[in-house]
């Protein structure tokens, strides 16, 4: 279980790093819109149960 927890944390860190890189490529006005959206999500509260991980081979 501890190993799975570490894997999830690593995946989330990579996803956040990629999101930051993609946001930095945007124009200032688009960047501000995205950052405001993230602020709203964070203000509403985040928990470990609200993170969605998408797989490359979804079984849905």
N, C-alpha and C. Protein backbone atom coordinates (compact mmCIF):
# COMPACT_ATOMS: atom_id res chain seq x y z
N UNK A 1 0.82 -1.19 0.00
CA UNK A 1 0.00 0.00 0.00
C UNK A 1 0.87 1.25 0.00
N UNK A 2 1.93 1.24 0.79
CA UNK A 2 2.82 2.40 0.86
C UNK A 2 3.45 2.66 -0.50
N UNK A 3 3.81 1.60 -1.23
CA UNK A 3 4.41 1.76 -2.56
C UNK A 3 3.40 2.40 -3.51
N UNK A 4 2.13 1.94 -3.46
CA UNK A 4 1.10 2.53 -4.32
C UNK A 4 0.90 4.00 -4.00
N UNK A 5 0.93 4.34 -2.73
CA UNK A 5 0.77 5.73 -2.31
C UNK A 5 1.90 6.57 -2.89
N UNK A 6 3.11 6.06 -2.84
CA UNK A 6 4.27 6.78 -3.40
C UNK A 6 4.11 6.93 -4.92
N UNK A 7 3.63 5.90 -5.60
CA UNK A 7 3.42 5.97 -7.05
C UNK A 7 2.40 7.04 -7.40
N UNK A 8 1.29 7.08 -6.63
CA UNK A 8 0.27 8.10 -6.89
C UNK A 8 0.84 9.49 -6.67
N UNK A 9 1.60 9.67 -5.61
CA UNK A 9 2.19 10.98 -5.34
C UNK A 9 3.13 11.39 -6.47
N UNK A 10 3.91 10.44 -6.97
CA UNK A 10 4.83 10.74 -8.08
C UNK A 10 4.05 11.13 -9.33
N UNK A 11 2.97 10.41 -9.62
CA UNK A 11 2.15 10.73 -10.80
C UNK A 11 1.52 12.11 -10.68
N UNK A 12 1.03 12.42 -9.49
CA UNK A 12 0.40 13.73 -9.28
C UNK A 12 1.44 14.84 -9.42
N UNK A 13 2.66 14.61 -8.90
CA UNK A 13 3.72 15.62 -9.03
C UNK A 13 4.06 15.86 -10.50
N UNK A 14 4.17 14.78 -11.28
CA UNK A 14 4.47 14.92 -12.71
C UNK A 14 3.33 15.67 -13.41
N UNK A 15 2.09 15.34 -13.07
CA UNK A 15 0.95 16.01 -13.71
C UNK A 15 0.94 17.50 -13.38
N UNK A 16 1.22 17.84 -12.13
CA UNK A 16 1.25 19.26 -11.74
C UNK A 16 2.40 19.98 -12.43
N UNK A 17 3.57 19.35 -12.51
CA UNK A 17 4.71 19.96 -13.20
C UNK A 17 4.38 20.20 -14.67
N UNK A 18 3.73 19.22 -15.31
CA UNK A 18 3.36 19.38 -16.72
C UNK A 18 2.34 20.49 -16.89
N UNK A 19 1.38 20.58 -15.97
CA UNK A 19 0.38 21.65 -16.04
C UNK A 19 1.05 23.01 -15.93
N UNK A 20 2.00 23.15 -15.01
CA UNK A 20 2.73 24.41 -14.85
C UNK A 20 3.45 24.78 -16.15
N UNK A 21 4.11 23.82 -16.76
CA UNK A 21 4.84 24.09 -18.00
C UNK A 21 3.89 24.53 -19.11
N UNK A 22 2.73 23.86 -19.20
CA UNK A 22 1.76 24.20 -20.24
C UNK A 22 1.15 25.58 -19.98
N UNK A 23 0.89 25.90 -18.73
CA UNK A 23 0.34 27.22 -18.39
C UNK A 23 1.34 28.31 -18.76
N UNK A 24 2.62 28.07 -18.51
CA UNK A 24 3.64 29.08 -18.81
C UNK A 24 3.80 29.33 -20.31
N UNK A 25 3.31 28.44 -21.16
CA UNK A 25 3.37 28.65 -22.60
C UNK A 25 2.25 29.55 -23.12
N UNK A 26 1.24 29.78 -22.28
CA UNK A 26 0.09 30.57 -22.70
C UNK A 26 0.38 32.07 -22.69
N UNK A 27 -0.44 32.81 -23.46
CA UNK A 27 -0.39 34.27 -23.39
C UNK A 27 -0.83 34.70 -21.99
N UNK A 28 -0.47 35.93 -21.62
CA UNK A 28 -0.77 36.40 -20.27
C UNK A 28 -2.26 36.33 -19.92
N UNK A 29 -3.13 36.74 -20.84
CA UNK A 29 -4.57 36.75 -20.53
C UNK A 29 -5.10 35.32 -20.35
N UNK A 30 -4.66 34.41 -21.22
CA UNK A 30 -5.08 33.01 -21.08
C UNK A 30 -4.51 32.39 -19.81
N UNK A 31 -3.27 32.72 -19.51
CA UNK A 31 -2.62 32.21 -18.30
C UNK A 31 -3.39 32.66 -17.06
N UNK A 32 -3.79 33.94 -17.04
CA UNK A 32 -4.54 34.46 -15.89
C UNK A 32 -5.89 33.76 -15.74
N UNK A 33 -6.56 33.45 -16.85
CA UNK A 33 -7.85 32.75 -16.78
C UNK A 33 -7.67 31.37 -16.16
N UNK A 34 -6.66 30.64 -16.60
CA UNK A 34 -6.42 29.30 -16.07
C UNK A 34 -6.05 29.37 -14.59
N UNK A 35 -5.19 30.30 -14.23
CA UNK A 35 -4.78 30.43 -12.82
C UNK A 35 -5.98 30.78 -11.94
N UNK A 36 -6.89 31.63 -12.43
CA UNK A 36 -8.09 31.97 -11.67
C UNK A 36 -8.97 30.73 -11.47
N UNK A 37 -9.06 29.91 -12.51
CA UNK A 37 -9.85 28.67 -12.40
C UNK A 37 -9.26 27.75 -11.34
N UNK A 38 -7.93 27.59 -11.34
CA UNK A 38 -7.28 26.76 -10.33
C UNK A 38 -7.51 27.33 -8.93
N UNK A 39 -7.46 28.65 -8.80
CA UNK A 39 -7.70 29.27 -7.49
C UNK A 39 -9.10 28.93 -6.99
N UNK A 40 -10.10 28.93 -7.90
CA UNK A 40 -11.46 28.59 -7.49
C UNK A 40 -11.52 27.14 -7.01
N UNK A 41 -10.85 26.23 -7.71
CA UNK A 41 -10.86 24.82 -7.30
C UNK A 41 -10.23 24.67 -5.93
N UNK A 42 -9.11 25.35 -5.73
CA UNK A 42 -8.40 25.23 -4.45
C UNK A 42 -9.20 25.86 -3.33
N UNK A 43 -9.83 27.00 -3.62
CA UNK A 43 -10.64 27.69 -2.61
C UNK A 43 -11.81 26.82 -2.16
N UNK A 44 -12.38 26.05 -3.09
CA UNK A 44 -13.50 25.17 -2.76
C UNK A 44 -13.05 23.98 -1.93
N UNK A 45 -11.74 23.78 -1.85
CA UNK A 45 -11.21 22.71 -1.02
C UNK A 45 -10.83 21.49 -1.84
N UNK A 46 -9.65 21.01 -1.60
CA UNK A 46 -9.17 19.80 -2.25
C UNK A 46 -8.89 18.76 -1.19
N UNK A 47 -9.08 17.54 -1.54
CA UNK A 47 -8.72 16.45 -0.64
C UNK A 47 -8.14 15.33 -1.49
N UNK A 48 -7.57 14.35 -0.85
CA UNK A 48 -6.99 13.22 -1.58
C UNK A 48 -8.04 12.47 -2.38
N UNK A 49 -9.30 12.62 -2.02
CA UNK A 49 -10.37 11.89 -2.68
C UNK A 49 -10.92 12.62 -3.91
N UNK A 50 -10.46 13.84 -4.17
CA UNK A 50 -10.98 14.60 -5.30
C UNK A 50 -10.01 14.64 -6.47
N UNK A 51 -8.92 13.92 -6.41
CA UNK A 51 -7.95 13.90 -7.50
C UNK A 51 -8.32 12.79 -8.47
N UNK A 52 -8.45 13.13 -9.73
CA UNK A 52 -8.79 12.16 -10.75
C UNK A 52 -7.54 11.79 -11.53
N UNK A 53 -7.22 10.52 -11.57
CA UNK A 53 -6.07 10.05 -12.34
C UNK A 53 -6.60 9.33 -13.57
N UNK A 54 -6.15 9.75 -14.75
CA UNK A 54 -6.56 9.11 -15.99
C UNK A 54 -5.46 8.17 -16.46
N UNK A 55 -5.88 7.01 -16.89
CA UNK A 55 -4.91 6.03 -17.38
C UNK A 55 -4.82 6.13 -18.88
N UNK A 56 -3.69 5.67 -19.43
CA UNK A 56 -3.55 5.63 -20.89
C UNK A 56 -4.48 4.59 -21.50
N UNK A 57 -4.76 3.54 -20.74
CA UNK A 57 -5.62 2.47 -21.24
C UNK A 57 -6.87 2.35 -20.36
N UNK A 58 -7.75 3.36 -20.47
CA UNK A 58 -8.92 3.36 -19.57
C UNK A 58 -9.80 2.13 -19.77
N UNK A 59 -10.38 1.67 -18.68
CA UNK A 59 -11.24 0.49 -18.75
C UNK A 59 -12.71 0.88 -18.72
N UNK A 60 -12.96 2.14 -18.91
CA UNK A 60 -14.34 2.64 -18.85
C UNK A 60 -15.08 2.24 -20.11
